[in-house]
Amino acid sequence: MNYRIYFEFKAVERQLIGVSLNGENVGLQTEVVAGHRIYVYELRNYQERSIALRIQNLSEAVTVIISVHSDAGQNILSDWQTLEQPDEAAELRIDLLESRIERITDSGRLMPNMVPVRRPSRNEIKEIRAKIQFVEQKYSANQSFAQPTRDELLTARADEPQNTLVDVFYATDRARQQNKSGEIAYTNKRGDLELGVCQVNVPGNRKKGELPLPPWYLFGLYTNDALHMSVKRTDQLRPDDFFAQVTAKVGGSPEKDALLFIHGFNVGFTESVLRTAQITADIGFRGAPIVYSWPSRKSVFKYAADEATSTGYSIDNIIELIKTIRTRTGAERVHLIAHSMGNRFLTDALKTLGDQGFTQEFQFNQIILAAPDIDAEVFVKNIAPKIAHAGEQVTLYTSLHDKALRLSNTIHGDIQRAGFAGKLLAVFPGIDTVDASKESTDFLGHGYFAQSKTLINDIFAATRHGHGPEARNLRRRVSGERFYWDFQ
């Protein structure tokens, strides 16, 4: 017996849902009937009495109308489901013989399908019933599809996307200064640990991977919210208030997660906050984004000073911050991302937490080492064995076109950095090394992890869904007894 299962949304446009039948994820085909978009899945030569259907909401609240028809065009049943929360799922059993849908409860029992917990209004019920009737009529065996009117053939362009404000929590041991208007700023010199939150404007028409700023000669004097990312406000917070706000942000997110970003060499406070906001926006992160802004001197000529700071000045604060995020905020998942020289802080912290037994009790979710400016041999010999199991997944991004790390190789006496993909790569079991050489972006090729759409989508797949490399469009490359990954 052949069946067609139709899905139509109460909203005008299709909303994001995941559909699986009998435990397998399926894709939906699109058909247009009288100007309405209907999404269809066909079951061919199906002999079972029932169908196990799972619908998962991947966006905002969604109402989806379900209609099942036989190959003769007979409408077997019609029903609807309302999923109020992102990632909410409905487990259904469609009884083809008795023409009914039953919902599976958390205990595994079957119960008749009910109207959603929030009962629709009378107008909503009338609208949904009209939609169901529409599906039944349009797919009956005796009626052909109606053609859309001319006015329905073309669709008007959508309005320009609106700017958004992203709250980025910060911890910094840079020296603080206040200008004459009382606004807080942080310098490139060392200071005491302070906590706070910045409100960042993100333009709605910005392309993924871009961090648009005013021209250098106007920086700090002029910004256009429609064109530029900018810090609109900086508030210093007491530790209790800081973690209370982080906890509230975590608790209000669907994934209940937090993300800590540690920047690299030659980065100021404002840039570190803006980069965190850009990553947050581009990967659609809905938890609490936090940046640790260590006192980089923000000068290409101050590499030695930054390297001296990376040997230990901020490490105790970072260790304590990571522990507190994991234990005090209620975060069910904690992601750690470091770039360039920031990887020295992160790997040192993870080694210490491992020695303390912390990572045995509290495992992190995604640990991402982007372009690490670390001795590659030291990484494989002394660091990787201690951090490989600190997270559910540990990913190392490396590139042949990273000119900043090529220079670092030279500065360190031609000793290869872990983030540089030369003829040899830093590969260790339990760490997914990804060769991103095909994804070079800016002139230095050093910020590719946050500028390449391919890399951003890869980080999204890991942080949002926990996908491993094999499920992230990565290609497995075998070299001797070891393997790494690259982009196809």
Protein backbone atom coordinates (compact mmCIF):
# COMPACT_ATOMS: atom_id res chain seq x y z
CA MET A 1 0.00 0.00 0.00
CA ASN A 2 1.24 3.49 -0.83
CA TYR A 3 0.60 6.47 1.44
CA ARG A 4 1.22 10.20 1.20
CA ILE A 5 1.66 12.22 4.38
CA TYR A 6 1.02 15.95 4.01
CA PHE A 7 2.35 18.64 6.34
CA GLU A 8 1.06 22.22 6.21
CA PHE A 9 1.92 25.05 8.56
CA LYS A 10 -0.46 27.45 10.22
CA ALA A 11 2.04 30.21 9.47
CA VAL A 12 2.36 31.55 5.93
CA GLU A 13 5.95 30.39 5.54
CA ARG A 14 7.36 27.01 6.34
CA GLN A 15 8.82 26.83 9.82
CA LEU A 16 11.70 24.60 10.72
CA ILE A 17 10.78 21.12 11.92
CA GLY A 18 12.55 17.79 11.93
CA VAL A 19 10.52 14.76 10.83
CA SER A 20 11.35 11.11 11.37
CA LEU A 21 9.28 8.07 10.37
CA ASN A 22 9.83 4.76 12.12
CA GLY A 23 13.06 6.08 13.64
CA GLU A 24 14.62 7.43 10.42
CA ASN A 25 15.00 11.14 9.60
CA VAL A 26 13.24 12.02 6.34
CA GLY A 27 13.16 14.96 3.97
CA LEU A 28 9.93 16.53 2.70
CA GLN A 29 9.03 17.36 -0.89
CA THR A 30 7.23 20.61 -1.71
CA GLU A 31 4.03 20.96 -3.71
CA VAL A 32 2.06 24.15 -4.39
CA VAL A 33 -1.72 23.86 -4.44
CA ALA A 34 -3.85 26.95 -5.04
CA GLY A 35 -1.03 29.12 -3.80
CA HIS A 36 -0.51 27.06 -0.65
CA ARG A 37 2.72 25.22 0.04
CA ILE A 38 2.19 21.63 1.11
CA TYR A 39 5.06 19.42 2.26
CA VAL A 40 4.81 15.76 1.33
CA TYR A 41 6.43 12.46 2.20
CA GLU A 42 5.57 9.27 0.29
CA LEU A 43 5.55 5.77 1.78
CA ARG A 44 5.69 3.11 -0.93
CA ASN A 45 4.72 -0.55 -0.54
CA TYR A 46 4.10 -0.03 3.17
CA GLN A 47 2.68 -3.16 4.81
CA GLU A 48 2.61 -2.22 8.50
CA ARG A 49 -0.54 -1.25 10.38
CA SER A 50 0.94 1.83 12.03
CA ILE A 51 3.53 4.55 11.49
CA ALA A 52 5.79 5.94 14.20
CA LEU A 53 6.01 9.69 13.51
CA ARG A 54 8.21 12.13 15.38
CA ILE A 55 7.99 15.89 14.80
CA GLN A 56 10.61 18.14 16.42
CA ASN A 57 10.35 21.92 16.49
CA LEU A 58 13.55 23.64 15.35
CA SER A 59 12.28 27.23 15.50
CA GLU A 60 9.67 29.18 17.44
CA ALA A 61 6.17 28.00 18.31
CA VAL A 62 4.74 26.06 15.37
CA THR A 63 1.39 24.51 14.46
CA VAL A 64 1.63 21.81 11.80
CA ILE A 65 -1.37 20.16 10.15
CA ILE A 66 -0.96 16.47 9.32
CA SER A 67 -3.04 14.66 6.73
CA VAL A 68 -2.58 11.04 5.61
CA HIS A 69 -3.93 9.81 2.26
CA SER A 70 -3.89 6.42 0.57
CA ASP A 71 -2.65 5.96 -2.99
CA ALA A 72 -6.27 6.08 -4.12
CA GLY A 73 -6.53 9.65 -2.82
CA GLN A 74 -8.64 8.63 0.18
CA ASN A 75 -8.14 10.82 3.23
CA ILE A 76 -7.43 8.42 6.09
CA LEU A 77 -7.09 11.04 8.82
CA SER A 78 -6.29 14.69 9.50
CA ASP A 79 -4.98 16.23 12.70
CA TRP A 80 -2.68 18.96 13.98
CA GLN A 81 0.11 19.40 16.51
CA THR A 82 1.23 22.58 18.27
CA LEU A 83 4.80 22.69 19.57
CA GLU A 84 5.26 25.74 21.78
CA GLN A 85 8.98 25.57 22.58
CA PRO A 86 12.12 25.26 20.42
CA ASP A 87 13.34 21.63 20.36
CA GLU A 88 9.97 20.41 21.71
CA ALA A 89 9.04 17.11 20.06
CA ALA A 90 5.83 15.15 19.57
CA GLU A 91 6.02 11.34 19.42
CA LEU A 92 2.99 10.04 17.52
CA ARG A 93 1.62 6.68 16.45
CA ILE A 94 -0.57 6.74 13.33
CA ASP A 95 -2.95 3.77 13.28
CA LEU A 96 -3.73 3.29 9.58
CA LEU A 97 -6.35 0.61 10.19
CA GLU A 98 -8.44 2.57 12.71
CA SER A 99 -7.64 6.00 11.21
CA ARG A 100 -6.44 7.68 14.38
CA ILE A 101 -3.37 9.31 15.88
CA GLU A 102 -2.16 8.53 19.39
CA ARG A 103 0.47 10.49 21.26
CA ILE A 104 3.18 8.61 23.16
CA THR A 105 3.68 9.94 26.68
CA ASP A 106 6.98 10.21 28.54
CA SER A 107 6.22 6.88 30.22
CA GLY A 108 5.83 5.20 26.85
CA ARG A 109 2.02 4.81 27.13
CA LEU A 110 -0.29 5.61 24.25
CA MET A 111 -3.03 8.17 24.73
CA PRO A 112 -5.53 9.69 22.29
CA ASN A 113 -4.16 12.78 20.62
CA MET A 114 -5.28 15.85 22.55
CA VAL A 115 -5.61 19.53 21.78
CA PRO A 116 -2.35 21.24 22.87
CA VAL A 117 -1.89 22.38 26.47
CA ARG A 118 -2.57 25.97 25.42
CA ARG A 119 -6.02 25.52 23.96
CA PRO A 120 -6.40 27.46 20.68
CA SER A 121 -8.95 30.26 20.51
CA ARG A 122 -12.18 29.78 18.59
CA ASN A 123 -10.78 31.68 15.61
CA GLU A 124 -7.64 29.52 15.63
CA ILE A 125 -9.72 26.34 15.76
CA LYS A 126 -11.83 27.55 12.83
CA GLU A 127 -8.69 28.42 10.87
CA ILE A 128 -7.05 25.05 11.56
CA ARG A 129 -10.21 23.14 10.69
CA ALA A 130 -10.46 25.11 7.45
CA LYS A 131 -6.88 24.17 6.63
CA ILE A 132 -7.60 20.50 7.29
CA GLN A 133 -10.68 20.70 5.09
CA PHE A 134 -8.62 22.39 2.40
CA VAL A 135 -6.08 19.53 2.42
CA GLU A 136 -8.85 16.92 2.30
CA GLN A 137 -10.55 18.62 -0.62
CA LYS A 138 -7.48 19.37 -2.68
CA TYR A 139 -6.14 15.83 -2.42
CA SER A 140 -9.39 13.96 -2.95
CA ALA A 141 -9.35 11.42 -5.80
CA ASN A 142 -12.09 13.14 -7.76
CA GLN A 143 -10.75 16.71 -7.81
CA SER A 144 -7.71 17.93 -9.72
CA PHE A 145 -5.32 20.54 -8.35
CA ALA A 146 -6.47 24.13 -8.78
CA GLN A 147 -4.07 26.56 -10.39
CA PRO A 148 -2.87 29.61 -8.46
CA THR A 149 -4.09 33.01 -9.56
CA ARG A 150 -1.68 35.38 -11.28
CA ASP A 151 -1.38 37.52 -8.15
CA GLU A 152 -0.12 34.47 -6.25
CA LEU A 153 2.68 33.60 -8.68
CA LEU A 154 5.30 36.04 -7.38
CA THR A 155 6.30 36.91 -3.82
CA ALA A 156 7.21 40.35 -2.53
CA ARG A 157 10.66 40.87 -1.11
CA ALA A 158 10.89 40.68 2.67
CA ASP A 159 11.77 43.74 4.72
CA GLU A 160 15.42 44.28 5.57
CA PRO A 161 16.44 42.30 8.69
CA GLN A 162 16.50 44.34 11.87
CA ASN A 163 19.54 45.04 14.02
CA THR A 164 19.90 42.90 17.13
CA LEU A 165 21.48 43.56 20.51
CA VAL A 166 23.68 40.82 21.95
CA ASP A 167 24.67 40.75 25.62
CA VAL A 168 28.27 39.56 26.00
CA PHE A 169 29.44 38.82 29.53
CA TYR A 170 33.09 39.54 30.20
CA ALA A 171 35.86 38.76 32.64
CA THR A 172 39.06 40.75 32.28
CA ASP A 173 42.24 41.51 34.13
CA ARG A 174 43.01 44.55 32.04
CA ALA A 175 43.45 47.88 33.81
CA ARG A 176 40.20 49.84 33.97
CA GLN A 177 39.80 53.52 33.20
CA GLN A 178 36.81 55.83 33.12
CA ASN A 179 36.46 58.77 30.79
CA LYS A 180 35.02 62.14 31.74
CA SER A 181 31.45 60.99 31.05
CA GLY A 182 31.89 58.09 33.47
CA GLU A 183 31.89 55.37 30.82
CA ILE A 184 34.01 52.31 31.58
CA ALA A 185 36.87 51.30 29.29
CA TYR A 186 39.69 48.80 29.63
CA THR A 187 43.26 49.41 28.54
CA ASN A 188 45.93 47.06 27.18
CA LYS A 189 47.83 47.04 30.47
CA ARG A 190 47.58 44.53 33.29
CA GLY A 191 45.07 45.09 36.07
CA ASP A 192 42.85 43.28 38.54
CA LEU A 193 40.05 40.86 37.66
CA GLU A 194 36.72 42.53 36.91
CA LEU A 195 33.41 41.13 35.67
CA GLY A 196 30.65 42.75 33.66
CA VAL A 197 28.41 42.72 30.62
CA CYS A 198 28.51 44.60 27.30
CA GLN A 199 25.57 45.28 25.03
CA VAL A 200 26.65 44.91 21.39
CA ASN A 201 24.83 46.12 18.28
CA VAL A 202 24.84 43.59 15.41
CA PRO A 203 23.59 44.96 12.05
CA GLY A 204 20.78 42.95 10.51
CA ASN A 205 22.18 43.06 6.98
CA ARG A 206 25.69 41.94 7.99
CA LYS A 207 26.95 38.86 6.17
CA LYS A 208 27.89 35.80 8.18
CA GLY A 209 31.56 35.98 9.15
CA GLU A 210 31.80 39.76 8.87
CA LEU A 211 32.77 42.06 11.72
CA PRO A 212 32.00 45.45 10.14
CA LEU A 213 33.59 48.49 11.79
CA PRO A 214 33.74 52.21 10.91
CA PRO A 215 36.81 53.41 8.95
CA TRP A 216 39.89 53.51 11.17
CA TYR A 217 40.01 57.31 11.06
CA LEU A 218 36.47 57.47 12.48
CA PHE A 219 36.72 54.61 14.94
CA GLY A 220 35.42 55.74 18.32
CA LEU A 221 33.93 58.90 16.81
CA TYR A 222 31.17 57.64 14.55
CA THR A 223 29.11 54.46 14.14
CA ASN A 224 26.05 53.61 12.10
CA ASP A 225 23.96 50.89 13.74
CA ALA A 226 22.71 49.73 10.35
CA LEU A 227 26.28 49.24 9.10
CA HIS A 228 28.64 48.70 12.04
CA MET A 229 29.06 46.44 15.02
CA SER A 230 29.64 48.44 18.16
CA VAL A 231 29.59 48.23 21.95
CA LYS A 232 26.61 50.29 23.05
CA ARG A 233 27.06 49.91 26.78
CA THR A 234 29.50 48.43 29.32
CA ASP A 235 28.40 47.63 32.88
CA GLN A 236 30.76 46.39 35.56
CA LEU A 237 29.09 43.81 37.83
CA ARG A 238 29.79 42.38 41.25
CA PRO A 239 30.56 38.62 41.13
CA ASP A 240 27.17 37.63 42.59
CA ASP A 241 25.30 39.83 40.09
CA PHE A 242 27.48 38.61 37.23
CA PHE A 243 26.79 34.92 37.86
CA ALA A 244 23.12 35.62 38.61
CA GLN A 245 22.73 37.20 35.16
CA VAL A 246 24.70 34.41 33.47
CA THR A 247 22.53 31.84 35.26
CA ALA A 248 19.36 33.61 34.11
CA LYS A 249 20.60 33.70 30.51
CA VAL A 250 21.52 30.01 30.63
CA GLY A 251 18.19 29.08 32.20
CA GLY A 252 16.26 30.93 29.52
CA SER A 253 18.01 29.20 26.62
CA PRO A 254 16.70 26.01 24.97
CA GLU A 255 20.05 24.21 25.22
CA LYS A 256 20.88 25.45 28.73
CA ASP A 257 24.45 26.16 27.70
CA ALA A 258 27.26 28.67 28.10
CA LEU A 259 30.18 29.53 25.82
CA LEU A 260 33.56 30.90 26.90
CA PHE A 261 35.80 32.53 24.28
CA ILE A 262 39.48 33.36 24.89
CA HIS A 263 41.00 35.64 22.25
CA GLY A 264 44.51 35.63 20.85
CA PHE A 265 47.52 37.91 20.33
CA ASN A 266 47.18 41.58 19.34
CA VAL A 267 43.55 42.00 20.46
CA GLY A 268 42.07 44.82 22.54
CA PHE A 269 39.12 44.65 24.92
CA THR A 270 36.54 46.06 22.51
CA GLU A 271 37.63 43.77 19.68
CA SER A 272 37.44 40.72 21.97
CA VAL A 273 33.86 41.61 22.92
CA LEU A 274 32.83 42.30 19.31
CA ARG A 275 34.36 39.02 18.12
CA THR A 276 32.44 37.12 20.79
CA ALA A 277 29.20 38.82 19.72
CA GLN A 278 29.92 38.02 16.06
CA ILE A 279 30.51 34.32 16.82
CA THR A 280 27.39 34.26 19.00
CA ALA A 281 25.24 35.74 16.24
CA ASP A 282 26.71 33.66 13.42
CA ILE A 283 26.31 30.27 15.11
CA GLY A 284 22.88 31.19 16.46
CA PHE A 285 24.05 30.63 20.03
CA ARG A 286 21.15 31.07 22.46
CA GLY A 287 22.90 30.55 25.80
CA ALA A 288 25.25 32.84 27.73
CA PRO A 289 28.31 34.06 25.73
CA ILE A 290 31.30 34.98 27.88
CA VAL A 291 34.69 36.36 26.85
CA TYR A 292 37.87 36.31 28.90
CA SER A 293 39.76 39.39 27.74
CA TRP A 294 43.33 38.99 28.96
CA PRO A 295 45.69 42.02 28.79
CA SER A 296 47.09 41.70 25.28
CA ARG A 297 49.18 44.76 24.41
CA LYS A 298 47.35 45.02 21.04
CA SER A 299 50.41 45.64 18.92
CA VAL A 300 52.12 43.48 16.29
CA PHE A 301 55.39 44.67 17.80
CA LYS A 302 54.48 43.46 21.33
CA TYR A 303 54.44 39.71 20.61
CA ALA A 304 57.02 39.02 23.31
CA ALA A 305 54.98 40.97 25.88
CA ASP A 306 51.81 39.03 25.02
CA GLU A 307 53.75 35.78 25.16
CA ALA A 308 55.05 36.68 28.61
CA THR A 309 51.47 37.34 29.79
CA SER A 310 50.34 34.01 28.33
CA THR A 311 52.82 32.11 30.51
CA GLY A 312 50.75 32.55 33.64
CA TYR A 313 49.46 36.04 34.44
CA SER A 314 45.76 35.30 33.82
CA ILE A 315 45.72 31.54 34.22
CA ASP A 316 44.44 31.30 37.83
CA ASN A 317 41.54 33.63 37.02
CA ILE A 318 40.65 31.64 33.90
CA ILE A 319 40.73 28.34 35.80
CA GLU A 320 38.44 29.71 38.48
CA LEU A 321 36.10 31.23 35.88
CA ILE A 322 35.80 27.94 33.97
CA LYS A 323 35.11 26.00 37.17
CA THR A 324 32.49 28.47 38.33
CA ILE A 325 30.70 28.55 34.96
CA ARG A 326 30.50 24.77 35.07
CA THR A 327 29.33 24.44 38.67
CA ARG A 328 27.37 27.60 39.51
CA THR A 329 25.35 28.69 36.47
CA GLY A 330 23.21 25.59 35.94
CA ALA A 331 24.65 25.18 32.45
CA GLU A 332 24.07 21.66 31.18
CA ARG A 333 26.59 22.21 28.39
CA VAL A 334 29.70 24.40 28.47
CA HIS A 335 31.63 25.12 25.27
CA LEU A 336 35.20 26.43 25.36
CA ILE A 337 36.69 28.20 22.32
CA ALA A 338 40.19 29.68 22.14
CA HIS A 339 42.01 31.37 19.29
CA SER A 340 45.72 31.65 18.57
CA MET A 341 47.72 32.50 21.72
CA GLY A 342 44.53 32.18 23.77
CA ASN A 343 44.95 28.42 23.38
CA ARG A 344 47.89 28.57 25.78
CA PHE A 345 45.58 29.83 28.53
CA LEU A 346 42.89 27.26 27.71
CA THR A 347 45.16 24.23 27.43
CA ASP A 348 47.05 25.19 30.62
CA ALA A 349 43.70 25.55 32.40
CA LEU A 350 42.45 22.20 31.14
CA LYS A 351 45.68 20.47 32.17
CA THR A 352 45.35 21.89 35.68
CA LEU A 353 41.67 20.96 35.89
CA GLY A 354 42.56 17.46 34.75
CA ASP A 355 45.28 17.15 37.41
CA GLN A 356 42.72 18.28 40.00
CA GLY A 357 40.25 15.61 38.81
CA PHE A 358 37.72 18.28 37.84
CA THR A 359 37.28 17.13 34.23
CA GLN A 360 36.60 13.59 35.39
CA GLU A 361 33.56 14.78 37.31
CA PHE A 362 32.49 17.64 35.03
CA GLN A 363 33.04 17.07 31.32
CA PHE A 364 32.78 20.01 28.96
CA ASN A 365 30.82 19.80 25.72
CA GLN A 366 32.73 21.26 22.78
CA ILE A 367 36.36 22.32 23.18
CA ILE A 368 37.56 24.17 20.07
CA LEU A 369 41.23 25.01 19.61
CA ALA A 370 41.31 27.46 16.68
CA ALA A 371 44.72 28.12 15.09
CA PRO A 372 46.62 27.38 18.33
CA ASP A 373 49.94 29.23 18.63
CA ILE A 374 51.52 26.37 20.55
CA ASP A 375 54.61 24.28 19.83
CA ALA A 376 53.15 21.37 17.82
CA GLU A 377 55.50 18.75 19.27
CA VAL A 378 54.89 19.93 22.83
CA PHE A 379 51.16 19.86 22.13
CA VAL A 380 51.17 16.23 20.97
CA LYS A 381 53.63 15.05 23.64
CA ASN A 382 52.56 16.90 26.78
CA ILE A 383 49.24 18.66 26.26
CA ALA A 384 47.00 16.46 24.11
CA PRO A 385 47.19 13.40 26.41
CA LYS A 386 45.87 15.50 29.30
CA ILE A 387 43.04 17.33 27.51
CA ALA A 388 41.79 14.81 24.92
CA HIS A 389 39.02 13.59 27.23
CA ALA A 390 38.19 16.90 28.89
CA GLY A 391 35.23 17.42 26.55
CA GLU A 392 32.71 15.37 24.66
CA GLN A 393 34.55 16.56 21.54
CA VAL A 394 37.87 18.36 21.15
CA THR A 395 38.47 19.98 17.75
CA LEU A 396 41.72 21.53 16.52
CA TYR A 397 41.56 23.76 13.43
CA THR A 398 44.79 24.17 11.48
CA SER A 399 45.66 25.84 8.16
CA LEU A 400 48.52 26.03 5.69
CA HIS A 401 47.67 29.63 4.78
CA ASP A 402 47.89 31.09 8.28
CA LYS A 403 50.58 33.73 7.73
CA ALA A 404 50.54 34.82 11.37
CA LEU A 405 51.46 31.31 12.52
CA ARG A 406 53.98 30.97 9.70
CA LEU A 407 55.69 34.04 11.19
CA SER A 408 55.39 32.51 14.66
CA ASN A 409 57.15 29.41 13.34
CA THR A 410 60.04 31.65 12.27
CA ILE A 411 60.12 33.61 15.54
CA HIS A 412 60.41 30.33 17.45
CA GLY A 413 63.35 29.04 15.40
CA ASP A 414 61.33 27.22 12.71
CA ILE A 415 59.53 25.13 15.31
CA GLN A 416 56.09 24.32 13.93
CA ARG A 417 52.97 25.62 15.65
CA ALA A 418 50.02 23.27 16.25
CA GLY A 419 47.72 25.54 14.24
CA PHE A 420 49.97 25.53 11.16
CA ALA A 421 49.33 22.79 8.60
CA GLY A 422 52.71 22.25 6.99
CA LYS A 423 53.91 18.91 5.68
CA LEU A 424 53.28 17.58 9.19
CA LEU A 425 50.15 17.95 11.33
CA ALA A 426 49.49 17.82 15.07
CA VAL A 427 47.29 14.71 15.35
CA PHE A 428 46.40 12.85 18.53
CA PRO A 429 43.74 10.19 19.30
CA GLY A 430 40.66 11.75 20.90
CA ILE A 431 41.25 15.13 19.25
CA ASP A 432 39.69 15.86 15.86
CA THR A 433 42.31 17.72 13.85
CA VAL A 434 40.64 19.57 10.96
CA ASP A 435 42.78 20.91 8.11
CA ALA A 436 41.01 24.12 7.07
CA SER A 437 43.57 25.14 4.45
CA LYS A 438 40.86 25.49 1.79
CA GLU A 439 39.11 28.15 3.87
CA SER A 440 41.60 31.02 3.92
CA THR A 441 39.91 34.40 4.42
CA ASP A 442 41.63 37.64 5.43
CA PHE A 443 45.11 38.76 4.37
CA LEU A 444 46.80 37.03 7.29
CA GLY A 445 44.51 33.98 7.06
CA HIS A 446 44.56 33.84 10.87
CA GLY A 447 40.94 34.59 11.73
CA TYR A 448 39.41 32.01 9.40
CA PHE A 449 37.64 30.13 12.19
CA ALA A 450 35.26 33.10 12.71
CA GLN A 451 35.26 34.53 9.17
CA SER A 452 34.66 31.52 6.92
CA LYS A 453 31.02 30.48 6.51
CA THR A 454 32.17 26.88 6.20
CA LEU A 455 34.00 27.02 9.54
CA ILE A 456 31.12 28.88 11.21
CA ASN A 457 28.65 26.23 10.01
CA ASP A 458 31.01 23.52 11.26
CA ILE A 459 31.16 25.13 14.72
CA PHE A 460 27.36 25.51 14.68
CA ALA A 461 26.88 21.80 13.92
CA ALA A 462 29.18 20.90 16.80
CA THR A 463 27.90 23.34 19.44
CA ARG A 464 24.17 23.20 18.64
CA HIS A 465 23.75 19.53 17.73
CA GLY A 466 26.93 17.84 19.01
CA HIS A 467 27.63 16.37 15.56
CA GLY A 468 30.95 14.59 15.12
CA PRO A 469 33.22 15.25 12.10
CA GLU A 470 31.65 12.46 10.07
CA ALA A 471 28.27 14.25 10.27
CA ARG A 472 29.66 17.72 9.50
CA ASN A 473 30.53 17.36 5.81
CA LEU A 474 34.16 16.62 6.68
CA ARG A 475 36.32 14.12 4.83
CA ARG A 476 38.41 11.56 6.70
CA ARG A 477 42.05 11.55 5.60
CA VAL A 478 44.22 8.61 6.64
CA SER A 479 47.97 9.05 7.10
CA GLY A 480 49.73 5.93 8.31
CA GLU A 481 48.10 4.74 11.50
CA ARG A 482 46.46 8.10 12.21
CA PHE A 483 43.80 10.18 10.53
CA TYR A 484 42.57 13.75 10.43
CA TRP A 485 39.77 15.64 8.65
CA ASP A 486 39.44 18.27 5.96
CA PHE A 487 36.61 20.00 4.09
CA GLN A 488 35.33 18.33 0.94
